[in-house]
Amino acid sequence: MIDGYGGDKAKLDDKSLVELCLNELPTMLGMKKLSKPCIYFAEGNNLKDPGGWSGFVVIQESHVSLHTFPGRRFLSADVYTCRNGLDDKKVVSYFKEKFSIKEIEQNLLKRGTKYPSTDF
């Protein structure tokens, strides 16, 4: 999970860039896309959320989601995978470069630690 602060407002408001990232990142990480990216513009709610782009792509290994908040210069991304050995530094660098992020908050969460090794 990545939260990016101080990003470039124009890049965060660029639907084409969001789509590029959702197409490019899984391939770059050696993952297989099962769908084309789905991208939506979410209107602001006059509270905490000023609006922005939300998108996701389903991959064989799970999914990648991306939410931008141009007015706050903020990005939130989840790269959820069942694959071991995800290069999280590569993922962080990718988003920093693509959206000119100044500061990253990263949370790595291990899931399925007791996942069965055989079928029942």
PDB file of N, CA and C in Angstrom:
ATOM      1  N   MET A   1       0.856  -1.166   0.000  1.00  0.00           N
ATOM      2  CA  MET A   1       0.000   0.000   0.000  1.00  0.00           C
ATOM      3  C   MET A   1       0.900   1.226   0.000  1.00  0.00           C
ATOM      4  N   ILE A   2       0.593   2.148  -0.888  1.00  0.00           N
ATOM      5  CA  ILE A   2       1.419   3.341  -1.044  1.00  0.00           C
ATOM      6  C   ILE A   2       0.529   4.572  -0.991  1.00  0.00           C
ATOM      7  N   ASP A   3       0.928   5.524  -0.176  1.00  0.00           N
ATOM      8  CA  ASP A   3       0.304   6.847  -0.179  1.00  0.00           C
ATOM      9  C   ASP A   3       1.384   7.834  -0.591  1.00  0.00           C
ATOM     10  N   GLY A   4       1.075   8.637  -1.590  1.00  0.00           N
ATOM     11  CA  GLY A   4       2.046   9.586  -2.113  1.00  0.00           C
ATOM     12  C   GLY A   4       1.593  11.012  -1.885  1.00  0.00           C
ATOM     13  N   TYR A   5       2.478  11.832  -1.376  1.00  0.00           N
ATOM     14  CA  TYR A   5       2.185  13.226  -1.028  1.00  0.00           C
ATOM     15  C   TYR A   5       3.011  14.183  -1.888  1.00  0.00           C
ATOM     16  N   GLY A   6       2.419  15.319  -2.199  1.00  0.00           N
ATOM     17  CA  GLY A   6       3.151  16.355  -2.931  1.00  0.00           C
ATOM     18  C   GLY A   6       3.353  16.047  -4.393  1.00  0.00           C
ATOM     19  N   GLY A   7       2.440  15.273  -4.981  1.00  0.00           N
ATOM     20  CA  GLY A   7       2.555  14.934  -6.400  1.00  0.00           C
ATOM     21  C   GLY A   7       2.200  16.100  -7.300  1.00  0.00           C
ATOM     22  N   ASP A   8       2.502  15.939  -8.561  1.00  0.00           N
ATOM     23  CA  ASP A   8       2.204  16.948  -9.570  1.00  0.00           C
ATOM     24  C   ASP A   8       0.697  16.940  -9.852  1.00  0.00           C
ATOM     25  N   LYS A   9       0.044  18.070  -9.627  1.00  0.00           N
ATOM     26  CA  LYS A   9      -1.414  18.167  -9.751  1.00  0.00           C
ATOM     27  C   LYS A   9      -1.897  17.769 -11.151  1.00  0.00           C
ATOM     28  N   ALA A  10      -1.209  18.242 -12.178  1.00  0.00           N
ATOM     29  CA  ALA A  10      -1.619  17.930 -13.558  1.00  0.00           C
ATOM     30  C   ALA A  10      -1.478  16.440 -13.856  1.00  0.00           C
ATOM     31  N   LYS A  11      -0.420  15.822 -13.374  1.00  0.00           N
ATOM     32  CA  LYS A  11      -0.232  14.384 -13.603  1.00  0.00           C
ATOM     33  C   LYS A  11      -1.282  13.576 -12.854  1.00  0.00           C
ATOM     34  N   LEU A  12      -1.604  13.980 -11.642  1.00  0.00           N
ATOM     35  CA  LEU A  12      -2.618  13.277 -10.858  1.00  0.00           C
ATOM     36  C   LEU A  12      -4.010  13.421 -11.462  1.00  0.00           C
ATOM     37  N   ASP A  13      -4.199  14.448 -12.290  1.00  0.00           N
ATOM     38  CA  ASP A  13      -5.492  14.683 -12.937  1.00  0.00           C
ATOM     39  C   ASP A  13      -5.518  14.182 -14.384  1.00  0.00           C
ATOM     40  N   ASP A  14      -4.535  13.378 -14.750  1.00  0.00           N
ATOM     41  CA  ASP A  14      -4.388  12.900 -16.121  1.00  0.00           C
ATOM     42  C   ASP A  14      -4.895  11.455 -16.242  1.00  0.00           C
ATOM     43  N   LYS A  15      -6.098  11.298 -16.776  1.00  0.00           N
ATOM     44  CA  LYS A  15      -6.697   9.971 -16.935  1.00  0.00           C
ATOM     45  C   LYS A  15      -5.803   9.047 -17.757  1.00  0.00           C
ATOM     46  N   SER A  16      -5.193   9.579 -18.788  1.00  0.00           N
ATOM     47  CA  SER A  16      -4.321   8.769 -19.646  1.00  0.00           C
ATOM     48  C   SER A  16      -3.128   8.225 -18.877  1.00  0.00           C
ATOM     49  N   LEU A  17      -2.594   9.006 -17.959  1.00  0.00           N
ATOM     50  CA  LEU A  17      -1.456   8.555 -17.149  1.00  0.00           C
ATOM     51  C   LEU A  17      -1.889   7.469 -16.172  1.00  0.00           C
ATOM     52  N   VAL A  18      -3.061   7.622 -15.586  1.00  0.00           N
ATOM     53  CA  VAL A  18      -3.589   6.585 -14.693  1.00  0.00           C
ATOM     54  C   VAL A  18      -3.746   5.279 -15.471  1.00  0.00           C
ATOM     55  N   GLU A  19      -4.307   5.353 -16.671  1.00  0.00           N
ATOM     56  CA  GLU A  19      -4.484   4.166 -17.506  1.00  0.00           C
ATOM     57  C   GLU A  19      -3.138   3.550 -17.890  1.00  0.00           C
ATOM     58  N   LEU A  20      -2.176   4.389 -18.254  1.00  0.00           N
ATOM     59  CA  LEU A  20      -0.844   3.892 -18.594  1.00  0.00           C
ATOM     60  C   LEU A  20      -0.251   3.112 -17.431  1.00  0.00           C
ATOM     61  N   CYS A  21      -0.353   3.661 -16.235  1.00  0.00           N
ATOM     62  CA  CYS A  21       0.215   2.995 -15.056  1.00  0.00           C
ATOM     63  C   CYS A  21      -0.435   1.640 -14.806  1.00  0.00           C
ATOM     64  N   LEU A  22      -1.751   1.585 -14.937  1.00  0.00           N
ATOM     65  CA  LEU A  22      -2.461   0.327 -14.702  1.00  0.00           C
ATOM     66  C   LEU A  22      -2.191  -0.703 -15.795  1.00  0.00           C
ATOM     67  N   ASN A  23      -1.804  -0.250 -16.959  1.00  0.00           N
ATOM     68  CA  ASN A  23      -1.404  -1.159 -18.039  1.00  0.00           C
ATOM     69  C   ASN A  23       0.054  -1.576 -17.911  1.00  0.00           C
ATOM     70  N   GLU A  24       0.899  -0.626 -17.555  1.00  0.00           N
ATOM     71  CA  GLU A  24       2.340  -0.822 -17.591  1.00  0.00           C
ATOM     72  C   GLU A  24       2.908  -1.534 -16.357  1.00  0.00           C
ATOM     73  N   LEU A  25       2.419  -1.171 -15.174  1.00  0.00           N
ATOM     74  CA  LEU A  25       3.005  -1.708 -13.941  1.00  0.00           C
ATOM     75  C   LEU A  25       2.907  -3.235 -13.841  1.00  0.00           C
ATOM     76  N   PRO A  26       1.741  -3.842 -14.080  1.00  0.00           N
ATOM     77  CA  PRO A  26       1.706  -5.311 -13.985  1.00  0.00           C
ATOM     78  C   PRO A  26       2.702  -5.993 -14.929  1.00  0.00           C
ATOM     79  N   THR A  27       2.798  -5.498 -16.143  1.00  0.00           N
ATOM     80  CA  THR A  27       3.743  -6.065 -17.111  1.00  0.00           C
ATOM     81  C   THR A  27       5.171  -5.899 -16.618  1.00  0.00           C
ATOM     82  N   MET A  28       5.481  -4.713 -16.106  1.00  0.00           N
ATOM     83  CA  MET A  28       6.823  -4.430 -15.586  1.00  0.00           C
ATOM     84  C   MET A  28       7.190  -5.375 -14.445  1.00  0.00           C
ATOM     85  N   LEU A  29       6.185  -5.786 -13.666  1.00  0.00           N
ATOM     86  CA  LEU A  29       6.422  -6.677 -12.525  1.00  0.00           C
ATOM     87  C   LEU A  29       6.305  -8.159 -12.896  1.00  0.00           C
ATOM     88  N   GLY A  30       6.072  -8.444 -14.193  1.00  0.00           N
ATOM     89  CA  GLY A  30       5.971  -9.823 -14.648  1.00  0.00           C
ATOM     90  C   GLY A  30       4.657 -10.482 -14.277  1.00  0.00           C
ATOM     91  N   MET A  31       3.616  -9.671 -14.158  1.00  0.00           N
ATOM     92  CA  MET A  31       2.298 -10.197 -13.809  1.00  0.00           C
ATOM     93  C   MET A  31       1.401 -10.203 -15.039  1.00  0.00           C
ATOM     94  N   LYS A  32       0.361 -11.035 -14.997  1.00  0.00           N
ATOM     95  CA  LYS A  32      -0.526 -11.192 -16.146  1.00  0.00           C
ATOM     96  C   LYS A  32      -1.856 -10.476 -15.892  1.00  0.00           C
ATOM     97  N   LYS A  33      -2.184  -9.524 -16.764  1.00  0.00           N
ATOM     98  CA  LYS A  33      -3.468  -8.830 -16.670  1.00  0.00           C
ATOM     99  C   LYS A  33      -4.575  -9.749 -17.163  1.00  0.00           C
ATOM    100  N   LEU A  34      -5.678  -9.783 -16.414  1.00  0.00           N
ATOM    101  CA  LEU A  34      -6.851 -10.556 -16.816  1.00  0.00           C
ATOM    102  C   LEU A  34      -7.940  -9.658 -17.381  1.00  0.00           C
ATOM    103  N   SER A  35      -7.739  -8.357 -17.280  1.00  0.00           N
ATOM    104  CA  SER A  35      -8.730  -7.408 -17.790  1.00  0.00           C
ATOM    105  C   SER A  35      -8.022  -6.138 -18.230  1.00  0.00           C
ATOM    106  N   LYS A  36      -8.737  -5.336 -18.964  1.00  0.00           N
ATOM    107  CA  LYS A  36      -8.259  -3.985 -19.241  1.00  0.00           C
ATOM    108  C   LYS A  36      -8.513  -3.153 -17.988  1.00  0.00           C
ATOM    109  N   PRO A  37      -7.746  -2.100 -17.775  1.00  0.00           N
ATOM    110  CA  PRO A  37      -8.009  -1.245 -16.623  1.00  0.00           C
ATOM    111  C   PRO A  37      -9.397  -0.602 -16.699  1.00  0.00           C
ATOM    112  N   CYS A  38     -10.034  -0.489 -15.572  1.00  0.00           N
ATOM    113  CA  CYS A  38     -11.300   0.244 -15.431  1.00  0.00           C
ATOM    114  C   CYS A  38     -10.973   1.531 -14.685  1.00  0.00           C
ATOM    115  N   ILE A  39     -11.355   2.669 -15.284  1.00  0.00           N
ATOM    116  CA  ILE A  39     -11.022   3.966 -14.706  1.00  0.00           C
ATOM    117  C   ILE A  39     -12.275   4.825 -14.657  1.00  0.00           C
ATOM    118  N   TYR A  40     -12.462   5.484 -13.538  1.00  0.00           N
ATOM    119  CA  TYR A  40     -13.634   6.323 -13.319  1.00  0.00           C
ATOM    120  C   TYR A  40     -13.209   7.649 -12.710  1.00  0.00           C
ATOM    121  N   PHE A  41     -13.945   8.702 -13.055  1.00  0.00           N
ATOM    122  CA  PHE A  41     -13.737   9.959 -12.358  1.00  0.00           C
ATOM    123  C   PHE A  41     -14.734  10.009 -11.207  1.00  0.00           C
ATOM    124  N   ALA A  42     -14.236  10.194 -10.017  1.00  0.00           N
ATOM    125  CA  ALA A  42     -15.076  10.279  -8.826  1.00  0.00           C
ATOM    126  C   ALA A  42     -15.204  11.752  -8.427  1.00  0.00           C
ATOM    127  N   GLU A  43     -16.414  12.244  -8.460  1.00  0.00           N
ATOM    128  CA  GLU A  43     -16.671  13.624  -8.051  1.00  0.00           C
ATOM    129  C   GLU A  43     -16.346  13.800  -6.570  1.00  0.00           C
ATOM    130  N   GLY A  44     -15.989  14.996  -6.194  1.00  0.00           N
ATOM    131  CA  GLY A  44     -15.748  15.302  -4.792  1.00  0.00           C
ATOM    132  C   GLY A  44     -17.039  15.255  -3.998  1.00  0.00           C
ATOM    133  N   ASN A  45     -16.910  15.107  -2.691  1.00  0.00           N
ATOM    134  CA  ASN A  45     -18.101  15.032  -1.848  1.00  0.00           C
ATOM    135  C   ASN A  45     -18.222  16.220  -0.885  1.00  0.00           C
ATOM    136  N   ASN A  46     -17.438  17.268  -1.125  1.00  0.00           N
ATOM    137  CA  ASN A  46     -17.447  18.481  -0.298  1.00  0.00           C
ATOM    138  C   ASN A  46     -17.076  18.229   1.154  1.00  0.00           C
ATOM    139  N   LEU A  47     -16.523  17.088   1.438  1.00  0.00           N
ATOM    140  CA  LEU A  47     -16.042  16.793   2.783  1.00  0.00           C
ATOM    141  C   LEU A  47     -14.536  16.571   2.687  1.00  0.00           C
ATOM    142  N   LYS A  48     -14.110  15.364   2.908  1.00  0.00           N
ATOM    143  CA  LYS A  48     -12.690  15.037   2.867  1.00  0.00           C
ATOM    144  C   LYS A  48     -12.184  14.806   1.452  1.00  0.00           C
ATOM    145  N   ASP A  49     -13.060  14.361   0.575  1.00  0.00           N
ATOM    146  CA  ASP A  49     -12.666  13.934  -0.764  1.00  0.00           C
ATOM    147  C   ASP A  49     -12.966  15.011  -1.804  1.00  0.00           C
ATOM    148  N   PRO A  50     -11.912  15.624  -2.396  1.00  0.00           N
ATOM    149  CA  PRO A  50     -12.132  16.647  -3.418  1.00  0.00           C
ATOM    150  C   PRO A  50     -12.327  16.082  -4.827  1.00  0.00           C
ATOM    151  N   GLY A  51     -12.324  14.758  -4.966  1.00  0.00           N
ATOM    152  CA  GLY A  51     -12.510  14.140  -6.266  1.00  0.00           C
ATOM    153  C   GLY A  51     -11.200  13.809  -6.955  1.00  0.00           C
ATOM    154  N   GLY A  52     -11.288  12.924  -7.938  1.00  0.00           N
ATOM    155  CA  GLY A  52     -10.111  12.511  -8.700  1.00  0.00           C
ATOM    156  C   GLY A  52     -10.392  11.232  -9.448  1.00  0.00           C
ATOM    157  N   TRP A  53      -9.347  10.622  -9.958  1.00  0.00           N
ATOM    158  CA  TRP A  53      -9.465   9.400 -10.755  1.00  0.00           C
ATOM    159  C   TRP A  53      -9.282   8.175  -9.880  1.00  0.00           C
ATOM    160  N   SER A  54     -10.115   7.167 -10.118  1.00  0.00           N
ATOM    161  CA  SER A  54      -9.981   5.869  -9.460  1.00  0.00           C
ATOM    162  C   SER A  54      -9.945   4.809 -10.542  1.00  0.00           C
ATOM    163  N   GLY A  55      -9.011   3.891 -10.413  1.00  0.00           N
ATOM    164  CA  GLY A  55      -8.917   2.830 -11.399  1.00  0.00           C
ATOM    165  C   GLY A  55      -8.352   1.559 -10.798  1.00  0.00           C
ATOM    166  N   PHE A  56      -8.623   0.464 -11.481  1.00  0.00           N
ATOM    167  CA  PHE A  56      -8.055  -0.811 -11.056  1.00  0.00           C
ATOM    168  C   PHE A  56      -7.904  -1.719 -12.263  1.00  0.00           C
ATOM    169  N   VAL A  57      -7.045  -2.690 -12.082  1.00  0.00           N
ATOM    170  CA  VAL A  57      -6.879  -3.726 -13.088  1.00  0.00           C
ATOM    171  C   VAL A  57      -6.762  -5.056 -12.348  1.00  0.00           C
ATOM    172  N   VAL A  58      -7.512  -6.046 -12.839  1.00  0.00           N
ATOM    173  CA  VAL A  58      -7.448  -7.384 -12.265  1.00  0.00           C
ATOM    174  C   VAL A  58      -6.281  -8.101 -12.925  1.00  0.00           C
ATOM    175  N   ILE A  59      -5.449  -8.694 -12.101  1.00  0.00           N
ATOM    176  CA  ILE A  59      -4.310  -9.467 -12.594  1.00  0.00           C
ATOM    177  C   ILE A  59      -4.455 -10.902 -12.091  1.00  0.00           C
ATOM    178  N   GLN A  60      -3.800 -11.812 -12.750  1.00  0.00           N
ATOM    179  CA  GLN A  60      -3.874 -13.218 -12.344  1.00  0.00           C
ATOM    180  C   GLN A  60      -3.432 -13.369 -10.891  1.00  0.00           C
ATOM    181  N   GLU A  61      -2.517 -12.532 -10.472  1.00  0.00           N
ATOM    182  CA  GLU A  61      -1.975 -12.606  -9.122  1.00  0.00           C
ATOM    183  C   GLU A  61      -2.789 -11.794  -8.115  1.00  0.00           C
ATOM    184  N   SER A  62      -3.823 -11.083  -8.527  1.00  0.00           N
ATOM    185  CA  SER A  62      -4.798 -10.363  -7.694  1.00  0.00           C
ATOM    186  C   SER A  62      -5.235  -9.065  -8.348  1.00  0.00           C
ATOM    187  N   HIS A  63      -4.740  -7.892  -7.890  1.00  0.00           N
ATOM    188  CA  HIS A  63      -5.180  -6.635  -8.504  1.00  0.00           C
ATOM    189  C   HIS A  63      -4.238  -5.479  -8.160  1.00  0.00           C
ATOM    190  N   VAL A  64      -4.381  -4.414  -8.948  1.00  0.00           N
ATOM    191  CA  VAL A  64      -3.701  -3.151  -8.686  1.00  0.00           C
ATOM    192  C   VAL A  64      -4.781  -2.072  -8.714  1.00  0.00           C
ATOM    193  N   SER A  65      -4.814  -1.240  -7.688  1.00  0.00           N
ATOM    194  CA  SER A  65      -5.773  -0.130  -7.674  1.00  0.00           C
ATOM    195  C   SER A  65      -5.024   1.178  -7.455  1.00  0.00           C
ATOM    196  N   LEU A  66      -5.616   2.250  -7.965  1.00  0.00           N
ATOM    197  CA  LEU A  66      -4.979   3.555  -7.935  1.00  0.00           C
ATOM    198  C   LEU A  66      -6.052   4.618  -7.778  1.00  0.00           C
ATOM    199  N   HIS A  67      -5.841   5.531  -6.849  1.00  0.00           N
ATOM    200  CA  HIS A  67      -6.766   6.638  -6.610  1.00  0.00           C
ATOM    201  C   HIS A  67      -5.960   7.926  -6.555  1.00  0.00           C
ATOM    202  N   THR A  68      -6.387   8.918  -7.337  1.00  0.00           N
ATOM    203  CA  THR A  68      -5.682  10.193  -7.319  1.00  0.00           C
ATOM    204  C   THR A  68      -6.603  11.278  -6.755  1.00  0.00           C
ATOM    205  N   PHE A  69      -5.993  12.222  -6.086  1.00  0.00           N
ATOM    206  CA  PHE A  69      -6.688  13.366  -5.510  1.00  0.00           C
ATOM    207  C   PHE A  69      -5.895  14.615  -5.900  1.00  0.00           C
ATOM    208  N   PRO A  70      -6.074  15.079  -7.148  1.00  0.00           N
ATOM    209  CA  PRO A  70      -5.254  16.186  -7.654  1.00  0.00           C
ATOM    210  C   PRO A  70      -5.295  17.432  -6.769  1.00  0.00           C
ATOM    211  N   GLY A  71      -6.476  17.767  -6.258  1.00  0.00           N
ATOM    212  CA  GLY A  71      -6.605  18.962  -5.427  1.00  0.00           C
ATOM    213  C   GLY A  71      -5.796  18.903  -4.146  1.00  0.00           C
ATOM    214  N   ARG A  72      -5.504  17.702  -3.686  1.00  0.00           N
ATOM    215  CA  ARG A  72      -4.699  17.514  -2.471  1.00  0.00           C
ATOM    216  C   ARG A  72      -3.274  17.071  -2.797  1.00  0.00           C
ATOM    217  N   ARG A  73      -2.996  16.917  -4.112  1.00  0.00           N
ATOM    218  CA  ARG A  73      -1.680  16.450  -4.580  1.00  0.00           C
ATOM    219  C   ARG A  73      -1.313  15.113  -3.922  1.00  0.00           C
ATOM    220  N   PHE A  74      -2.306  14.211  -3.873  1.00  0.00           N
ATOM    221  CA  PHE A  74      -2.208  12.942  -3.147  1.00  0.00           C
ATOM    222  C   PHE A  74      -2.577  11.766  -4.049  1.00  0.00           C
ATOM    223  N   LEU A  75      -1.910  10.654  -3.825  1.00  0.00           N
ATOM    224  CA  LEU A  75      -2.158   9.421  -4.552  1.00  0.00           C
ATOM    225  C   LEU A  75      -2.203   8.267  -3.555  1.00  0.00           C
ATOM    226  N   SER A  76      -3.102   7.339  -3.783  1.00  0.00           N
ATOM    227  CA  SER A  76      -3.162   6.127  -2.980  1.00  0.00           C
ATOM    228  C   SER A  76      -3.174   4.945  -3.943  1.00  0.00           C
ATOM    229  N   ALA A  77      -2.273   3.991  -3.735  1.00  0.00           N
ATOM    230  CA  ALA A  77      -2.169   2.837  -4.626  1.00  0.00           C
ATOM    231  C   ALA A  77      -2.026   1.560  -3.807  1.00  0.00           C
ATOM    232  N   ASP A  78      -2.677   0.513  -4.281  1.00  0.00           N
ATOM    233  CA  ASP A  78      -2.519  -0.814  -3.683  1.00  0.00           C
ATOM    234  C   ASP A  78      -2.056  -1.763  -4.778  1.00  0.00           C
ATOM    235  N   VAL A  79      -0.983  -2.463  -4.511  1.00  0.00           N
ATOM    236  CA  VAL A  79      -0.519  -3.528  -5.391  1.00  0.00           C
ATOM    237  C   VAL A  79      -0.653  -4.793  -4.561  1.00  0.00           C
ATOM    238  N   TYR A  80      -1.762  -5.473  -4.773  1.00  0.00           N
ATOM    239  CA  TYR A  80      -2.078  -6.665  -3.987  1.00  0.00           C
ATOM    240  C   TYR A  80      -1.759  -7.881  -4.827  1.00  0.00           C
ATOM    241  N   THR A  81      -0.889  -8.745  -4.291  1.00  0.00           N
ATOM    242  CA  THR A  81      -0.477  -9.915  -5.045  1.00  0.00           C
ATOM    243  C   THR A  81      -0.273 -11.110  -4.134  1.00  0.00           C
ATOM    244  N   CYS A  82      -0.576 -12.283  -4.654  1.00  0.00           N
ATOM    245  CA  CYS A  82      -0.314 -13.520  -3.916  1.00  0.00           C
ATOM    246  C   CYS A  82       1.088 -14.050  -4.239  1.00  0.00           C
ATOM    247  N   ARG A  83       1.777 -13.337  -5.113  1.00  0.00           N
ATOM    248  CA  ARG A  83       3.122 -13.763  -5.490  1.00  0.00           C
ATOM    249  C   ARG A  83       4.124 -13.353  -4.410  1.00  0.00           C
ATOM    250  N   ASN A  84       5.052 -14.265  -4.112  1.00  0.00           N
ATOM    251  CA  ASN A  84       6.122 -13.938  -3.166  1.00  0.00           C
ATOM    252  C   ASN A  84       7.196 -13.120  -3.871  1.00  0.00           C
ATOM    253  N   GLY A  85       7.877 -12.278  -3.119  1.00  0.00           N
ATOM    254  CA  GLY A  85       9.032 -11.579  -3.643  1.00  0.00           C
ATOM    255  C   GLY A  85       8.742 -10.327  -4.447  1.00  0.00           C
ATOM    256  N   LEU A  86       7.617  -9.670  -4.184  1.00  0.00           N
ATOM    257  CA  LEU A  86       7.314  -8.414  -4.881  1.00  0.00           C
ATOM    258  C   LEU A  86       8.416  -7.397  -4.599  1.00  0.00           C
ATOM    259  N   ASP A  87       8.926  -6.778  -5.636  1.00  0.00           N
ATOM    260  CA  ASP A  87       9.963  -5.750  -5.497  1.00  0.00           C
ATOM    261  C   ASP A  87       9.287  -4.426  -5.144  1.00  0.00           C
ATOM    262  N   ASP A  88       9.042  -4.216  -3.845  1.00  0.00           N
ATOM    263  CA  ASP A  88       8.306  -3.031  -3.411  1.00  0.00           C
ATOM    264  C   ASP A  88       9.070  -1.741  -3.684  1.00  0.00           C
ATOM    265  N   LYS A  89      10.385  -1.795  -3.674  1.00  0.00           N
ATOM    266  CA  LYS A  89      11.178  -0.592  -3.982  1.00  0.00           C
ATOM    267  C   LYS A  89      10.946  -0.150  -5.433  1.00  0.00           C
ATOM    268  N   LYS A  90      10.818  -1.113  -6.319  1.00  0.00           N
ATOM    269  CA  LYS A  90      10.552  -0.828  -7.729  1.00  0.00           C
ATOM    270  C   LYS A  90       9.175  -0.181  -7.887  1.00  0.00           C
ATOM    271  N   VAL A  91       8.200  -0.679  -7.150  1.00  0.00           N
ATOM    272  CA  VAL A  91       6.845  -0.137  -7.202  1.00  0.00           C
ATOM    273  C   VAL A  91       6.833   1.302  -6.680  1.00  0.00           C
ATOM    274  N   VAL A  92       7.478   1.542  -5.560  1.00  0.00           N
ATOM    275  CA  VAL A  92       7.543   2.893  -4.986  1.00  0.00           C
ATOM    276  C   VAL A  92       8.223   3.853  -5.959  1.00  0.00           C
ATOM    277  N   SER A  93       9.350   3.453  -6.510  1.00  0.00           N
ATOM    278  CA  SER A  93      10.077   4.305  -7.464  1.00  0.00           C
ATOM    279  C   SER A  93       9.216   4.608  -8.683  1.00  0.00           C
ATOM    280  N   TYR A  94       8.476   3.621  -9.148  1.00  0.00           N
ATOM    281  CA  TYR A  94       7.609   3.789 -10.315  1.00  0.00           C
ATOM    282  C   TYR A  94       6.594   4.907 -10.080  1.00  0.00           C
ATOM    283  N   PHE A  95       5.866   4.829  -8.971  1.00  0.00           N
ATOM    284  CA  PHE A  95       4.852   5.843  -8.695  1.00  0.00           C
ATOM    285  C   PHE A  95       5.466   7.213  -8.407  1.00  0.00           C
ATOM    286  N   LYS A  96       6.612   7.235  -7.723  1.00  0.00           N
ATOM    287  CA  LYS A  96       7.283   8.518  -7.465  1.00  0.00           C
ATOM    288  C   LYS A  96       7.628   9.215  -8.771  1.00  0.00           C
ATOM    289  N   GLU A  97       8.151   8.445  -9.711  1.00  0.00           N
ATOM    290  CA  GLU A  97       8.564   9.023 -10.988  1.00  0.00           C
ATOM    291  C   GLU A  97       7.353   9.439 -11.830  1.00  0.00           C
ATOM    292  N   LYS A  98       6.367   8.559 -11.947  1.00  0.00           N
ATOM    293  CA  LYS A  98       5.230   8.833 -12.827  1.00  0.00           C
ATOM    294  C   LYS A  98       4.416  10.045 -12.397  1.00  0.00           C
ATOM    295  N   PHE A  99       4.258  10.257 -11.093  1.00  0.00           N
ATOM    296  CA  PHE A  99       3.420  11.346 -10.602  1.00  0.00           C
ATOM    297  C   PHE A  99       4.214  12.436  -9.881  1.00  0.00           C
ATOM    298  N   SER A 100       5.541  12.391  -9.992  1.00  0.00           N
ATOM    299  CA  SER A 100       6.426  13.375  -9.352  1.00  0.00           C
ATOM    300  C   SER A 100       6.107  13.525  -7.861  1.00  0.00           C
ATOM    301  N   ILE A 101       5.977  12.392  -7.188  1.00  0.00           N
ATOM    302  CA  ILE A 101       5.657  12.347  -5.764  1.00  0.00           C
ATOM    303  C   ILE A 101       6.873  12.794  -4.950  1.00  0.00           C
ATOM    304  N   LYS A 102       6.626  13.641  -3.974  1.00  0.00           N
ATOM    305  CA  LYS A 102       7.713  14.152  -3.121  1.00  0.00           C
ATOM    306  C   LYS A 102       7.963  13.257  -1.911  1.00  0.00           C
ATOM    307  N   GLU A 103       6.900  12.704  -1.339  1.00  0.00           N
ATOM    308  CA  GLU A 103       7.035  11.895  -0.126  1.00  0.00           C
ATOM    309  C   GLU A 103       6.123  10.669  -0.228  1.00  0.00           C
ATOM    310  N   ILE A 104       6.648   9.533   0.204  1.00  0.00           N
ATOM    311  CA  ILE A 104       5.901   8.276   0.150  1.00  0.00           C
ATOM    312  C   ILE A 104       5.724   7.715   1.560  1.00  0.00           C
ATOM    313  N   GLU A 105       4.519   7.237   1.803  1.00  0.00           N
ATOM    314  CA  GLU A 105       4.239   6.450   3.000  1.00  0.00           C
ATOM    315  C   GLU A 105       3.889   5.059   2.495  1.00  0.00           C
ATOM    316  N   GLN A 106       4.647   4.057   2.942  1.00  0.00           N
ATOM    317  CA  GLN A 106       4.484   2.700   2.421  1.00  0.00           C
ATOM    318  C   GLN A 106       4.148   1.754   3.563  1.00  0.00           C
ATOM    319  N   ASN A 107       3.196   0.875   3.314  1.00  0.00           N
ATOM    320  CA  ASN A 107       2.838  -0.157   4.282  1.00  0.00           C
ATOM    321  C   ASN A 107       2.809  -1.494   3.562  1.00  0.00           C
ATOM    322  N   LEU A 108       3.652  -2.398   3.999  1.00  0.00           N
ATOM    323  CA  LEU A 108       3.713  -3.730   3.430  1.00  0.00           C
ATOM    324  C   LEU A 108       3.018  -4.672   4.400  1.00  0.00           C
ATOM    325  N   LEU A 109       2.011  -5.338   3.911  1.00  0.00           N
ATOM    326  CA  LEU A 109       1.213  -6.228   4.744  1.00  0.00           C
ATOM    327  C   LEU A 109       1.282  -7.631   4.176  1.00  0.00           C
ATOM    328  N   LYS A 110       1.761  -8.576   4.977  1.00  0.00           N
ATOM    329  CA  LYS A 110       1.784  -9.970   4.542  1.00  0.00           C
ATOM    330  C   LYS A 110       0.436 -10.574   4.858  1.00  0.00           C
ATOM    331  N   ARG A 111      -0.122 -11.241   3.848  1.00  0.00           N
ATOM    332  CA  ARG A 111      -1.433 -11.876   4.012  1.00  0.00           C
ATOM    333  C   ARG A 111      -1.331 -13.350   3.657  1.00  0.00           C
ATOM    334  N   GLY A 112      -2.291 -14.101   4.135  1.00  0.00           N
ATOM    335  CA  GLY A 112      -2.342 -15.524   3.803  1.00  0.00           C
ATOM    336  C   GLY A 112      -1.172 -16.317   4.340  1.00  0.00           C
ATOM    337  N   THR A 113      -0.670 -15.947   5.498  1.00  0.00           N
ATOM    338  CA  THR A 113       0.518 -16.615   6.040  1.00  0.00           C
ATOM    339  C   THR A 113       0.263 -18.089   6.363  1.00  0.00           C
ATOM    340  N   LYS A 114      -1.001 -18.484   6.466  1.00  0.00           N
ATOM    341  CA  LYS A 114      -1.350 -19.884   6.743  1.00  0.00           C
ATOM    342  C   LYS A 114      -2.079 -20.515   5.554  1.00  0.00           C
ATOM    343  N   TYR A 115      -1.859 -19.943   4.365  1.00  0.00           N
ATOM    344  CA  TYR A 115      -2.475 -20.455   3.142  1.00  0.00           C
ATOM    345  C   TYR A 115      -2.129 -21.935   2.971  1.00  0.00           C
ATOM    346  N   PRO A 116      -3.131 -22.801   2.763  1.00  0.00           N
ATOM    347  CA  PRO A 116      -2.856 -24.249   2.646  1.00  0.00           C
ATOM    348  C   PRO A 116      -1.968 -24.560   1.443  1.00  0.00           C
ATOM    349  N   SER A 117      -1.115 -25.550   1.599  1.00  0.00           N
ATOM    350  CA  SER A 117      -0.216 -25.921   0.512  1.00  0.00           C
ATOM    351  C   SER A 117      -0.799 -27.003  -0.391  1.00  0.00           C
ATOM    352  N   THR A 118      -1.959 -27.553  -0.020  1.00  0.00           N
ATOM    353  CA  THR A 118      -2.601 -28.582  -0.853  1.00  0.00           C
ATOM    354  C   THR A 118      -4.098 -28.320  -0.923  1.00  0.00           C
ATOM    355  N   ASP A 119      -4.744 -28.900  -1.939  1.00  0.00           N
ATOM    356  CA  ASP A 119      -6.192 -28.817  -2.071  1.00  0.00           C
ATOM    357  C   ASP A 119      -6.849 -29.794  -1.096  1.00  0.00           C
ATOM    358  N   PHE A 120      -8.080 -29.526  -0.743  1.00  0.00           N
ATOM    359  CA  PHE A 120      -8.822 -30.423   0.157  1.00  0.00           C
ATOM    360  C   PHE A 120      -9.789 -31.251  -0.647  1.00  0.00           C
TER     361      PHE A 120
END
